[in-house]
Structure formats: C-alpha cells, structure tokens
Amino acid sequence: MPSFYLARCSDNSLYSGSCKDLAQREAAHNAGKGAKYTRSRLPVRIVYHEEFPTLADAMKREAQVKKMKKEEKEMLVGGGCLTKNRYCRQLSNSCLECTNVRSF
C-alpha cells in the first residue's frame, strides 16, 4: 500500500518520505541504500505513516509535511491531528476539538 512516512534518525532528526512498501523502505534506509540524508544518520526507524490509494497521493502528502516545522512533525508522531490548518495539542487517537479520528 502506498504510504507517506516519517523516519526517526539516530541524531533524532525526522526524515520524510513516501514509498510502496514500508518494511522494504526501512530496510533499504538501514542498508545505506535509502536517501543520502539518512546514510550518515543510521539507524533509522519509521515512527509514523499514513496510507494512500496511490503513490502520487502519498508524495503530495510528503510535500505538505516537508514544509512543516519540526515541532509540527513531532506532533504528528505524537498523535496530534490537523484542525483548521493548525495542529491540535491533544495527544491521542481522538481529538475532541475537531472530531478527527486517526489510525496509527
């Protein structure tokens, strides 16, 4: 299933990417065959992902997330959700403000 993902690098940075197979992509990163950015920050671990019907949709989401500040990306990893183009501080699967339920 095509997915957008955030990977935690050994230096605590987050790498954004998209792929068709998460397990295969994580293995490629850790074998040094992933992105140039992650090669010097091994090991990496996928800490967040969203599934999409097409790889193109996953890549659109990747482009959106790459524009976010690290704090906003950390909110995604922690379980926050998007409401009115701002991130909730509610760290659970169900946000009371926007009634958006996310699956992790």
Protein backbone atom coordinates (compact mmCIF):
# COMPACT_ATOMS: atom_id res chain seq x y z
CA MET A 1 0.00 0.00 0.00
CA PRO A 2 1.49 3.41 -0.93
CA SER A 3 2.43 5.38 2.17
CA PHE A 4 3.87 8.62 3.41
CA TYR A 5 6.22 8.14 6.38
CA LEU A 6 8.39 9.90 8.93
CA ALA A 7 11.57 8.12 9.96
CA ARG A 8 13.49 8.94 13.15
CA CYS A 9 17.23 9.10 12.51
CA SER A 10 19.98 8.34 15.03
CA ASP A 11 20.56 12.08 15.57
CA ASN A 12 16.85 12.49 16.48
CA SER A 13 16.03 14.27 13.21
CA LEU A 14 12.98 13.28 11.17
CA TYR A 15 13.15 12.24 7.54
CA SER A 16 10.00 12.49 5.37
CA GLY A 17 9.44 10.07 2.54
CA SER A 18 6.93 8.08 0.54
CA CYS A 19 7.04 4.52 -0.75
CA LYS A 20 5.03 1.47 -1.76
CA ASP A 21 6.33 -0.89 0.97
CA LEU A 22 7.25 0.49 4.41
CA ALA A 23 9.21 -2.52 5.68
CA GLN A 24 11.25 -2.71 2.49
CA ARG A 25 11.94 1.02 2.55
CA GLU A 26 13.08 0.98 6.20
CA ALA A 27 15.40 -1.93 5.38
CA ALA A 28 16.80 -0.03 2.38
CA HIS A 29 17.49 3.03 4.54
CA ASN A 30 19.28 0.93 7.15
CA ALA A 31 21.32 -0.87 4.49
CA GLY A 32 22.62 2.52 3.35
CA LYS A 33 20.64 2.30 0.10
CA GLY A 34 17.98 4.82 1.04
CA ALA A 35 18.17 8.58 0.84
CA LYS A 36 21.52 10.36 1.01
CA TYR A 37 20.26 12.24 4.08
CA THR A 38 19.73 9.08 6.11
CA ARG A 39 23.00 7.34 5.16
CA SER A 40 25.01 9.32 7.70
CA ARG A 41 22.28 9.06 10.35
CA LEU A 42 21.81 5.30 10.70
CA PRO A 43 19.95 3.50 12.04
CA VAL A 44 16.56 4.94 11.13
CA ARG A 45 13.17 3.76 12.34
CA ILE A 46 9.81 4.58 10.77
CA VAL A 47 7.82 6.21 13.56
CA TYR A 48 4.76 7.45 11.68
CA HIS A 49 2.94 6.66 8.45
CA GLU A 50 -0.26 7.36 6.54
CA GLU A 51 -1.61 5.10 3.79
CA PHE A 52 -2.94 6.40 0.46
CA PRO A 53 -4.66 4.91 -2.58
CA THR A 54 -1.83 5.97 -4.91
CA LEU A 55 1.87 6.77 -4.62
CA ALA A 56 1.15 10.18 -6.16
CA ASP A 57 -1.20 10.96 -3.25
CA ALA A 58 1.47 9.86 -0.75
CA MET A 59 4.01 12.09 -2.47
CA LYS A 60 1.64 15.07 -2.25
CA ARG A 61 1.35 14.49 1.50
CA GLU A 62 5.13 14.20 1.73
CA ALA A 63 5.48 17.61 0.06
CA GLN A 64 2.99 19.12 2.55
CA VAL A 65 4.79 17.69 5.57
CA LYS A 66 8.24 18.73 4.34
CA LYS A 67 7.06 22.35 4.62
CA MET A 68 6.14 21.88 8.30
CA LYS A 69 8.29 22.89 11.23
CA LYS A 70 9.88 20.08 13.22
CA GLU A 71 7.50 20.80 16.12
CA GLU A 72 4.53 20.13 13.84
CA LYS A 73 6.09 16.90 12.57
CA GLU A 74 6.70 15.82 16.17
CA MET A 75 3.01 16.50 16.84
CA LEU A 76 2.11 14.03 14.06
CA VAL A 77 4.46 11.43 15.53
CA GLY A 78 2.94 12.02 18.98
CA GLY A 79 -0.61 11.52 17.73
CA GLY A 80 -1.78 15.09 17.18
CA CYS A 81 -4.06 15.94 14.29
CA LEU A 82 -4.72 18.76 11.88
CA THR A 83 -7.64 21.06 12.59
CA LYS A 84 -8.32 24.27 10.68
CA ASN A 85 -4.73 24.18 9.33
CA ARG A 86 -3.32 24.14 12.86
CA TYR A 87 -2.22 21.21 14.96
CA CYS A 88 -4.15 20.04 18.00
CA ARG A 89 -2.21 19.56 21.18
CA GLN A 90 -4.40 16.56 22.04
CA LEU A 91 -2.05 13.56 22.04
CA SER A 92 -4.49 10.75 21.47
CA ASN A 93 -6.23 8.99 18.59
CA SER A 94 -9.36 11.09 19.03
CA CYS A 95 -9.31 14.88 19.05
CA LEU A 96 -12.19 16.49 20.91
CA GLU A 97 -11.83 19.83 19.07
CA CYS A 98 -12.19 18.60 15.52
CA THR A 99 -13.61 15.08 16.00
CA ASN A 100 -10.92 13.81 13.65
CA VAL A 101 -10.09 10.19 14.43
CA ARG A 102 -6.72 8.96 13.17
CA SER A 103 -5.46 5.41 12.92
CA PHE A 104 -1.83 4.77 13.74
